[in-house]
Amino acid sequence: MSKVTITQVRGTVGQSKAHEGTLRALGLGKIGRTVEHTDSPSLAGMLRHVKHLVRVEGPRGVGSTEPRKSAGAGLAGAEAEKSSA
């Protein structure tokens, strides 16, 4: 399995206790701390929970920093193909 690097970029002030607990479980807790974890489905769920507090660097599959295509962009492309055909 591949490695994922996670860095906390925002603090927990004003966040729920669940978010604070998730950060602690990831090995974070202070802004600027960086940890490395093995990519897994449970890690993906934890990262979705605190995605607004961390920066993730690693494989595309688990919350990568690469932007995703929006749902609307895919529909516009499909309509354009139909009209050109």
PDB file of N, CA and C in Angstrom:
ATOM      1  N   MET A   1       0.843  -1.179   0.000  1.00  0.00           N
ATOM      2  CA  MET A   1       0.000   0.000   0.000  1.00  0.00           C
ATOM      3  C   MET A   1       0.888   1.241   0.000  1.00  0.00           C
ATOM      4  N   SER A   2       0.370   2.312  -0.508  1.00  0.00           N
ATOM      5  CA  SER A   2       1.157   3.533  -0.622  1.00  0.00           C
ATOM      6  C   SER A   2       1.022   4.402   0.632  1.00  0.00           C
ATOM      7  N   LYS A   3       1.911   5.338   0.739  1.00  0.00           N
ATOM      8  CA  LYS A   3       1.943   6.235   1.892  1.00  0.00           C
ATOM      9  C   LYS A   3       1.243   7.543   1.564  1.00  0.00           C
ATOM     10  N   VAL A   4       0.606   8.145   2.578  1.00  0.00           N
ATOM     11  CA  VAL A   4      -0.084   9.420   2.452  1.00  0.00           C
ATOM     12  C   VAL A   4       0.497  10.342   3.515  1.00  0.00           C
ATOM     13  N   THR A   5       0.880  11.559   3.129  1.00  0.00           N
ATOM     14  CA  THR A   5       1.395  12.545   4.059  1.00  0.00           C
ATOM     15  C   THR A   5       0.287  13.534   4.388  1.00  0.00           C
ATOM     16  N   ILE A   6       0.033  13.730   5.686  1.00  0.00           N
ATOM     17  CA  ILE A   6      -1.050  14.592   6.143  1.00  0.00           C
ATOM     18  C   ILE A   6      -0.459  15.695   7.002  1.00  0.00           C
ATOM     19  N   THR A   7      -0.812  16.955   6.706  1.00  0.00           N
ATOM     20  CA  THR A   7      -0.347  18.106   7.466  1.00  0.00           C
ATOM     21  C   THR A   7      -1.546  18.894   7.960  1.00  0.00           C
ATOM     22  N   GLN A   8      -1.557  19.227   9.247  1.00  0.00           N
ATOM     23  CA  GLN A   8      -2.646  20.039   9.785  1.00  0.00           C
ATOM     24  C   GLN A   8      -2.376  21.494   9.422  1.00  0.00           C
ATOM     25  N   VAL A   9      -3.361  22.151   8.791  1.00  0.00           N
ATOM     26  CA  VAL A   9      -3.182  23.526   8.337  1.00  0.00           C
ATOM     27  C   VAL A   9      -4.114  24.509   9.049  1.00  0.00           C
ATOM     28  N   ARG A  10      -5.104  24.013   9.784  1.00  0.00           N
ATOM     29  CA  ARG A  10      -6.004  24.879  10.542  1.00  0.00           C
ATOM     30  C   ARG A  10      -6.163  24.321  11.942  1.00  0.00           C
ATOM     31  N   GLY A  11      -6.466  25.195  12.870  1.00  0.00           N
ATOM     32  CA  GLY A  11      -6.625  24.793  14.262  1.00  0.00           C
ATOM     33  C   GLY A  11      -7.990  24.215  14.550  1.00  0.00           C
ATOM     34  N   THR A  12      -8.158  23.735  15.788  1.00  0.00           N
ATOM     35  CA  THR A  12      -9.397  23.079  16.176  1.00  0.00           C
ATOM     36  C   THR A  12     -10.331  23.988  16.965  1.00  0.00           C
ATOM     37  N   VAL A  13      -9.970  25.239  17.162  1.00  0.00           N
ATOM     38  CA  VAL A  13     -10.842  26.153  17.904  1.00  0.00           C
ATOM     39  C   VAL A  13     -12.154  26.306  17.137  1.00  0.00           C
ATOM     40  N   GLY A  14     -13.256  26.059  17.823  1.00  0.00           N
ATOM     41  CA  GLY A  14     -14.562  26.171  17.200  1.00  0.00           C
ATOM     42  C   GLY A  14     -15.024  24.906  16.494  1.00  0.00           C
ATOM     43  N   GLN A  15     -14.183  23.880  16.460  1.00  0.00           N
ATOM     44  CA  GLN A  15     -14.549  22.616  15.820  1.00  0.00           C
ATOM     45  C   GLN A  15     -15.203  21.699  16.849  1.00  0.00           C
ATOM     46  N   SER A  16     -15.911  20.702  16.374  1.00  0.00           N
ATOM     47  CA  SER A  16     -16.565  19.757  17.280  1.00  0.00           C
ATOM     48  C   SER A  16     -15.516  18.856  17.945  1.00  0.00           C
ATOM     49  N   LYS A  17     -15.920  18.234  19.033  1.00  0.00           N
ATOM     50  CA  LYS A  17     -15.027  17.305  19.737  1.00  0.00           C
ATOM     51  C   LYS A  17     -14.701  16.101  18.845  1.00  0.00           C
ATOM     52  N   ALA A  18     -15.624  15.756  17.965  1.00  0.00           N
ATOM     53  CA  ALA A  18     -15.370  14.644  17.039  1.00  0.00           C
ATOM     54  C   ALA A  18     -14.224  14.977  16.096  1.00  0.00           C
ATOM     55  N   HIS A  19     -14.179  16.215  15.601  1.00  0.00           N
ATOM     56  CA  HIS A  19     -13.088  16.625  14.716  1.00  0.00           C
ATOM     57  C   HIS A  19     -11.763  16.612  15.470  1.00  0.00           C
ATOM     58  N   GLU A  20     -11.771  17.118  16.708  1.00  0.00           N
ATOM     59  CA  GLU A  20     -10.549  17.112  17.510  1.00  0.00           C
ATOM     60  C   GLU A  20     -10.075  15.685  17.743  1.00  0.00           C
ATOM     61  N   GLY A  21     -11.004  14.780  18.029  1.00  0.00           N
ATOM     62  CA  GLY A  21     -10.646  13.382  18.250  1.00  0.00           C
ATOM     63  C   GLY A  21     -10.082  12.729  17.013  1.00  0.00           C
ATOM     64  N   THR A  22     -10.646  13.057  15.861  1.00  0.00           N
ATOM     65  CA  THR A  22     -10.144  12.498  14.607  1.00  0.00           C
ATOM     66  C   THR A  22      -8.725  12.964  14.344  1.00  0.00           C
ATOM     67  N   LEU A  23      -8.454  14.249  14.584  1.00  0.00           N
ATOM     68  CA  LEU A  23      -7.090  14.753  14.402  1.00  0.00           C
ATOM     69  C   LEU A  23      -6.121  14.050  15.340  1.00  0.00           C
ATOM     70  N   ARG A  24      -6.530  13.843  16.589  1.00  0.00           N
ATOM     71  CA  ARG A  24      -5.671  13.145  17.549  1.00  0.00           C
ATOM     72  C   ARG A  24      -5.403  11.706  17.084  1.00  0.00           C
ATOM     73  N   ALA A  25      -6.434  11.058  16.579  1.00  0.00           N
ATOM     74  CA  ALA A  25      -6.276   9.680  16.098  1.00  0.00           C
ATOM     75  C   ALA A  25      -5.319   9.614  14.911  1.00  0.00           C
ATOM     76  N   LEU A  26      -5.278  10.691  14.123  1.00  0.00           N
ATOM     77  CA  LEU A  26      -4.350  10.764  12.990  1.00  0.00           C
ATOM     78  C   LEU A  26      -2.932  11.097  13.440  1.00  0.00           C
ATOM     79  N   GLY A  27      -2.770  11.496  14.695  1.00  0.00           N
ATOM     80  CA  GLY A  27      -1.442  11.870  15.199  1.00  0.00           C
ATOM     81  C   GLY A  27      -1.163  13.346  15.067  1.00  0.00           C
ATOM     82  N   LEU A  28      -2.211  14.142  14.870  1.00  0.00           N
ATOM     83  CA  LEU A  28      -2.073  15.587  14.719  1.00  0.00           C
ATOM     84  C   LEU A  28      -2.616  16.278  15.967  1.00  0.00           C
ATOM     85  N   GLY A  29      -2.720  17.580  15.941  1.00  0.00           N
ATOM     86  CA  GLY A  29      -3.258  18.309  17.086  1.00  0.00           C
ATOM     87  C   GLY A  29      -2.770  19.738  17.124  1.00  0.00           C
ATOM     88  N   LYS A  30      -1.682  20.015  16.448  1.00  0.00           N
ATOM     89  CA  LYS A  30      -1.164  21.375  16.374  1.00  0.00           C
ATOM     90  C   LYS A  30      -0.939  21.736  14.908  1.00  0.00           C
ATOM     91  N   ILE A  31      -1.171  22.984  14.580  1.00  0.00           N
ATOM     92  CA  ILE A  31      -0.981  23.451  13.212  1.00  0.00           C
ATOM     93  C   ILE A  31       0.472  23.241  12.813  1.00  0.00           C
ATOM     94  N   GLY A  32       0.665  22.712  11.606  1.00  0.00           N
ATOM     95  CA  GLY A  32       2.008  22.500  11.089  1.00  0.00           C
ATOM     96  C   GLY A  32       2.551  21.101  11.308  1.00  0.00           C
ATOM     97  N   ARG A  33       1.904  20.299  12.135  1.00  0.00           N
ATOM     98  CA  ARG A  33       2.372  18.933  12.343  1.00  0.00           C
ATOM     99  C   ARG A  33       2.094  18.097  11.100  1.00  0.00           C
ATOM    100  N   THR A  34       3.035  17.220  10.792  1.00  0.00           N
ATOM    101  CA  THR A  34       2.921  16.357   9.621  1.00  0.00           C
ATOM    102  C   THR A  34       3.117  14.912  10.048  1.00  0.00           C
ATOM    103  N   VAL A  35       2.269  14.028   9.529  1.00  0.00           N
ATOM    104  CA  VAL A  35       2.386  12.596   9.798  1.00  0.00           C
ATOM    105  C   VAL A  35       2.265  11.836   8.479  1.00  0.00           C
ATOM    106  N   GLU A  36       2.713  10.596   8.499  1.00  0.00           N
ATOM    107  CA  GLU A  36       2.628   9.748   7.314  1.00  0.00           C
ATOM    108  C   GLU A  36       1.882   8.481   7.694  1.00  0.00           C
ATOM    109  N   HIS A  37       0.860   8.122   6.901  1.00  0.00           N
ATOM    110  CA  HIS A  37       0.054   6.930   7.159  1.00  0.00           C
ATOM    111  C   HIS A  37      -0.017   6.087   5.900  1.00  0.00           C
ATOM    112  N   THR A  38      -0.310   4.816   6.084  1.00  0.00           N
ATOM    113  CA  THR A  38      -0.545   3.911   4.964  1.00  0.00           C
ATOM    114  C   THR A  38      -1.968   4.114   4.466  1.00  0.00           C
ATOM    115  N   ASP A  39      -2.117   4.193   3.178  1.00  0.00           N
ATOM    116  CA  ASP A  39      -3.412   4.396   2.535  1.00  0.00           C
ATOM    117  C   ASP A  39      -4.353   3.235   2.863  1.00  0.00           C
ATOM    118  N   SER A  40      -5.577   3.553   3.340  1.00  0.00           N
ATOM    119  CA  SER A  40      -6.575   2.529   3.641  1.00  0.00           C
ATOM    120  C   SER A  40      -7.967   3.146   3.596  1.00  0.00           C
ATOM    121  N   PRO A  41      -9.011   2.342   3.512  1.00  0.00           N
ATOM    122  CA  PRO A  41     -10.370   2.883   3.513  1.00  0.00           C
ATOM    123  C   PRO A  41     -10.711   3.626   4.810  1.00  0.00           C
ATOM    124  N   SER A  42     -10.226   3.136   5.952  1.00  0.00           N
ATOM    125  CA  SER A  42     -10.514   3.821   7.213  1.00  0.00           C
ATOM    126  C   SER A  42      -9.827   5.186   7.267  1.00  0.00           C
ATOM    127  N   LEU A  43      -8.625   5.270   6.712  1.00  0.00           N
ATOM    128  CA  LEU A  43      -7.931   6.555   6.651  1.00  0.00           C
ATOM    129  C   LEU A  43      -8.700   7.521   5.749  1.00  0.00           C
ATOM    130  N   ALA A  44      -9.234   7.028   4.645  1.00  0.00           N
ATOM    131  CA  ALA A  44     -10.003   7.876   3.735  1.00  0.00           C
ATOM    132  C   ALA A  44     -11.217   8.473   4.444  1.00  0.00           C
ATOM    133  N   GLY A  45     -11.891   7.675   5.267  1.00  0.00           N
ATOM    134  CA  GLY A  45     -13.037   8.175   6.017  1.00  0.00           C
ATOM    135  C   GLY A  45     -12.646   9.232   7.025  1.00  0.00           C
ATOM    136  N   MET A  46     -11.524   9.030   7.701  1.00  0.00           N
ATOM    137  CA  MET A  46     -11.052  10.019   8.673  1.00  0.00           C
ATOM    138  C   MET A  46     -10.688  11.323   7.972  1.00  0.00           C
ATOM    139  N   LEU A  47     -10.059  11.219   6.815  1.00  0.00           N
ATOM    140  CA  LEU A  47      -9.663  12.419   6.083  1.00  0.00           C
ATOM    141  C   LEU A  47     -10.875  13.185   5.556  1.00  0.00           C
ATOM    142  N   ARG A  48     -11.924  12.477   5.146  1.00  0.00           N
ATOM    143  CA  ARG A  48     -13.152  13.162   4.724  1.00  0.00           C
ATOM    144  C   ARG A  48     -13.754  13.935   5.883  1.00  0.00           C
ATOM    145  N   HIS A  49     -13.625  13.394   7.082  1.00  0.00           N
ATOM    146  CA  HIS A  49     -14.195  14.016   8.277  1.00  0.00           C
ATOM    147  C   HIS A  49     -13.516  15.349   8.610  1.00  0.00           C
ATOM    148  N   VAL A  50     -12.210  15.450   8.372  1.00  0.00           N
ATOM    149  CA  VAL A  50     -11.451  16.658   8.737  1.00  0.00           C
ATOM    150  C   VAL A  50     -10.769  17.310   7.540  1.00  0.00           C
ATOM    151  N   LYS A  51     -11.337  17.136   6.340  1.00  0.00           N
ATOM    152  CA  LYS A  51     -10.681  17.634   5.124  1.00  0.00           C
ATOM    153  C   LYS A  51     -10.483  19.145   5.131  1.00  0.00           C
ATOM    154  N   HIS A  52     -11.292  19.876   5.882  1.00  0.00           N
ATOM    155  CA  HIS A  52     -11.166  21.331   5.940  1.00  0.00           C
ATOM    156  C   HIS A  52     -10.062  21.775   6.897  1.00  0.00           C
ATOM    157  N   LEU A  53      -9.454  20.848   7.617  1.00  0.00           N
ATOM    158  CA  LEU A  53      -8.410  21.174   8.589  1.00  0.00           C
ATOM    159  C   LEU A  53      -7.028  20.683   8.183  1.00  0.00           C
ATOM    160  N   VAL A  54      -6.947  19.844   7.157  1.00  0.00           N
ATOM    161  CA  VAL A  54      -5.671  19.231   6.798  1.00  0.00           C
ATOM    162  C   VAL A  54      -5.360  19.384   5.313  1.00  0.00           C
ATOM    163  N   ARG A  55      -4.085  19.189   4.976  1.00  0.00           N
ATOM    164  CA  ARG A  55      -3.639  19.114   3.581  1.00  0.00           C
ATOM    165  C   ARG A  55      -3.087  17.700   3.392  1.00  0.00           C
ATOM    166  N   VAL A  56      -3.501  17.042   2.328  1.00  0.00           N
ATOM    167  CA  VAL A  56      -3.106  15.657   2.072  1.00  0.00           C
ATOM    168  C   VAL A  56      -2.269  15.609   0.811  1.00  0.00           C
ATOM    169  N   GLU A  57      -1.143  14.919   0.906  1.00  0.00           N
ATOM    170  CA  GLU A  57      -0.274  14.720  -0.249  1.00  0.00           C
ATOM    171  C   GLU A  57      -0.042  13.230  -0.392  1.00  0.00           C
ATOM    172  N   GLY A  58      -0.289  12.725  -1.583  1.00  0.00           N
ATOM    173  CA  GLY A  58      -0.101  11.298  -1.790  1.00  0.00           C
ATOM    174  C   GLY A  58      -0.859  10.821  -3.004  1.00  0.00           C
ATOM    175  N   PRO A  59      -1.278   9.564  -2.988  1.00  0.00           N
ATOM    176  CA  PRO A  59      -1.949   9.001  -4.159  1.00  0.00           C
ATOM    177  C   PRO A  59      -3.292   9.668  -4.427  1.00  0.00           C
ATOM    178  N   ARG A  60      -3.712   9.604  -5.662  1.00  0.00           N
ATOM    179  CA  ARG A  60      -4.962  10.249  -6.101  1.00  0.00           C
ATOM    180  C   ARG A  60      -6.180   9.702  -5.367  1.00  0.00           C
ATOM    181  N   GLY A  61      -6.160   8.443  -4.965  1.00  0.00           N
ATOM    182  CA  GLY A  61      -7.324   7.786  -4.409  1.00  0.00           C
ATOM    183  C   GLY A  61      -7.818   8.339  -3.091  1.00  0.00           C
ATOM    184  N   VAL A  62      -6.973   8.871  -2.240  1.00  0.00           N
ATOM    185  CA  VAL A  62      -7.377   9.272  -0.898  1.00  0.00           C
ATOM    186  C   VAL A  62      -7.185  10.759  -0.687  1.00  0.00           C
ATOM    187  N   GLY A  63      -8.166  11.559  -1.070  1.00  0.00           N
ATOM    188  CA  GLY A  63      -8.148  12.983  -0.756  1.00  0.00           C
ATOM    189  C   GLY A  63      -6.903  13.704  -1.210  1.00  0.00           C
ATOM    190  N   SER A  64      -6.451  13.447  -2.376  1.00  0.00           N
ATOM    191  CA  SER A  64      -5.262  14.091  -2.896  1.00  0.00           C
ATOM    192  C   SER A  64      -5.490  15.589  -3.055  1.00  0.00           C
ATOM    193  N   THR A  65      -4.423  16.325  -3.217  1.00  0.00           N
ATOM    194  CA  THR A  65      -4.536  17.768  -3.407  1.00  0.00           C
ATOM    195  C   THR A  65      -4.900  18.120  -4.840  1.00  0.00           C
ATOM    196  N   GLU A  66      -4.948  17.118  -5.736  1.00  0.00           N
ATOM    197  CA  GLU A  66      -5.328  17.376  -7.127  1.00  0.00           C
ATOM    198  C   GLU A  66      -6.817  17.692  -7.202  1.00  0.00           C
ATOM    199  N   PRO A  67      -7.205  18.710  -7.972  1.00  0.00           N
ATOM    200  CA  PRO A  67      -8.628  19.044  -8.063  1.00  0.00           C
ATOM    201  C   PRO A  67      -9.401  17.958  -8.795  1.00  0.00           C
ATOM    202  N   ARG A  68     -10.647  17.773  -8.379  1.00  0.00           N
ATOM    203  CA  ARG A  68     -11.505  16.791  -9.028  1.00  0.00           C
ATOM    204  C   ARG A  68     -12.417  17.487 -10.010  1.00  0.00           C
ATOM    205  N   LYS A  69     -12.882  16.742 -10.996  1.00  0.00           N
ATOM    206  CA  LYS A  69     -13.837  17.300 -11.944  1.00  0.00           C
ATOM    207  C   LYS A  69     -15.178  17.452 -11.242  1.00  0.00           C
ATOM    208  N   SER A  70     -15.860  18.559 -11.497  1.00  0.00           N
ATOM    209  CA  SER A  70     -17.176  18.741 -10.903  1.00  0.00           C
ATOM    210  C   SER A  70     -18.207  17.971 -11.711  1.00  0.00           C
ATOM    211  N   ALA A  71     -19.330  17.680 -11.083  1.00  0.00           N
ATOM    212  CA  ALA A  71     -20.379  16.913 -11.755  1.00  0.00           C
ATOM    213  C   ALA A  71     -20.919  17.686 -12.950  1.00  0.00           C
ATOM    214  N   GLY A  72     -21.011  18.997 -12.836  1.00  0.00           N
ATOM    215  CA  GLY A  72     -21.538  19.824 -13.921  1.00  0.00           C
ATOM    216  C   GLY A  72     -20.644  19.815 -15.147  1.00  0.00           C
ATOM    217  N   ALA A  73     -19.341  19.732 -14.955  1.00  0.00           N
ATOM    218  CA  ALA A  73     -18.413  19.753 -16.081  1.00  0.00           C
ATOM    219  C   ALA A  73     -18.592  18.512 -16.944  1.00  0.00           C
ATOM    220  N   GLY A  74     -18.869  17.374 -16.315  1.00  0.00           N
ATOM    221  CA  GLY A  74     -19.065  16.146 -17.068  1.00  0.00           C
ATOM    222  C   GLY A  74     -20.325  16.204 -17.903  1.00  0.00           C
ATOM    223  N   LEU A  75     -21.372  16.817 -17.380  1.00  0.00           N
ATOM    224  CA  LEU A  75     -22.625  16.919 -18.111  1.00  0.00           C
ATOM    225  C   LEU A  75     -22.500  17.856 -19.309  1.00  0.00           C
ATOM    226  N   ALA A  76     -21.782  18.953 -19.124  1.00  0.00           N
ATOM    227  CA  ALA A  76     -21.623  19.908 -20.219  1.00  0.00           C
ATOM    228  C   ALA A  76     -20.868  19.263 -21.377  1.00  0.00           C
ATOM    229  N   GLY A  77     -19.862  18.445 -21.053  1.00  0.00           N
ATOM    230  CA  GLY A  77     -19.098  17.765 -22.086  1.00  0.00           C
ATOM    231  C   GLY A  77     -19.947  16.756 -22.828  1.00  0.00           C
ATOM    232  N   ALA A  78     -20.841  16.061 -22.132  1.00  0.00           N
ATOM    233  CA  ALA A  78     -21.687  15.065 -22.768  1.00  0.00           C
ATOM    234  C   ALA A  78     -22.699  15.735 -23.702  1.00  0.00           C
ATOM    235  N   GLU A  79     -23.224  16.881 -23.285  1.00  0.00           N
ATOM    236  CA  GLU A  79     -24.171  17.602 -24.128  1.00  0.00           C
ATOM    237  C   GLU A  79     -23.480  18.142 -25.368  1.00  0.00           C
ATOM    238  N   ALA A  80     -22.247  18.587 -25.224  1.00  0.00           N
ATOM    239  CA  ALA A  80     -21.490  19.125 -26.364  1.00  0.00           C
ATOM    240  C   ALA A  80     -21.231  18.023 -27.391  1.00  0.00           C
ATOM    241  N   GLU A  81     -20.951  16.809 -26.910  1.00  0.00           N
ATOM    242  CA  GLU A  81     -20.712  15.690 -27.820  1.00  0.00           C
ATOM    243  C   GLU A  81     -21.979  15.337 -28.598  1.00  0.00           C
ATOM    244  N   LYS A  82     -23.131  15.385 -27.921  1.00  0.00           N
ATOM    245  CA  LYS A  82     -24.395  15.055 -28.582  1.00  0.00           C
ATOM    246  C   LYS A  82     -24.717  16.063 -29.686  1.00  0.00           C
ATOM    247  N   SER A  83     -24.483  17.345 -29.418  1.00  0.00           N
ATOM    248  CA  SER A  83     -24.819  18.373 -30.400  1.00  0.00           C
ATOM    249  C   SER A  83     -23.890  18.335 -31.606  1.00  0.00           C
ATOM    250  N   SER A  84     -22.645  17.874 -31.430  1.00  0.00           N
ATOM    251  CA  SER A  84     -21.703  17.821 -32.550  1.00  0.00           C
ATOM    252  C   SER A  84     -21.896  16.568 -33.398  1.00  0.00           C
ATOM    253  N   ALA A  85     -22.605  15.594 -32.883  1.00  0.00           N
ATOM    254  CA  ALA A  85     -22.773  14.325 -33.611  1.00  0.00           C
ATOM    255  C   ALA A  85     -23.864  14.369 -34.643  1.00  0.00           C
TER     256      ALA A  85
END
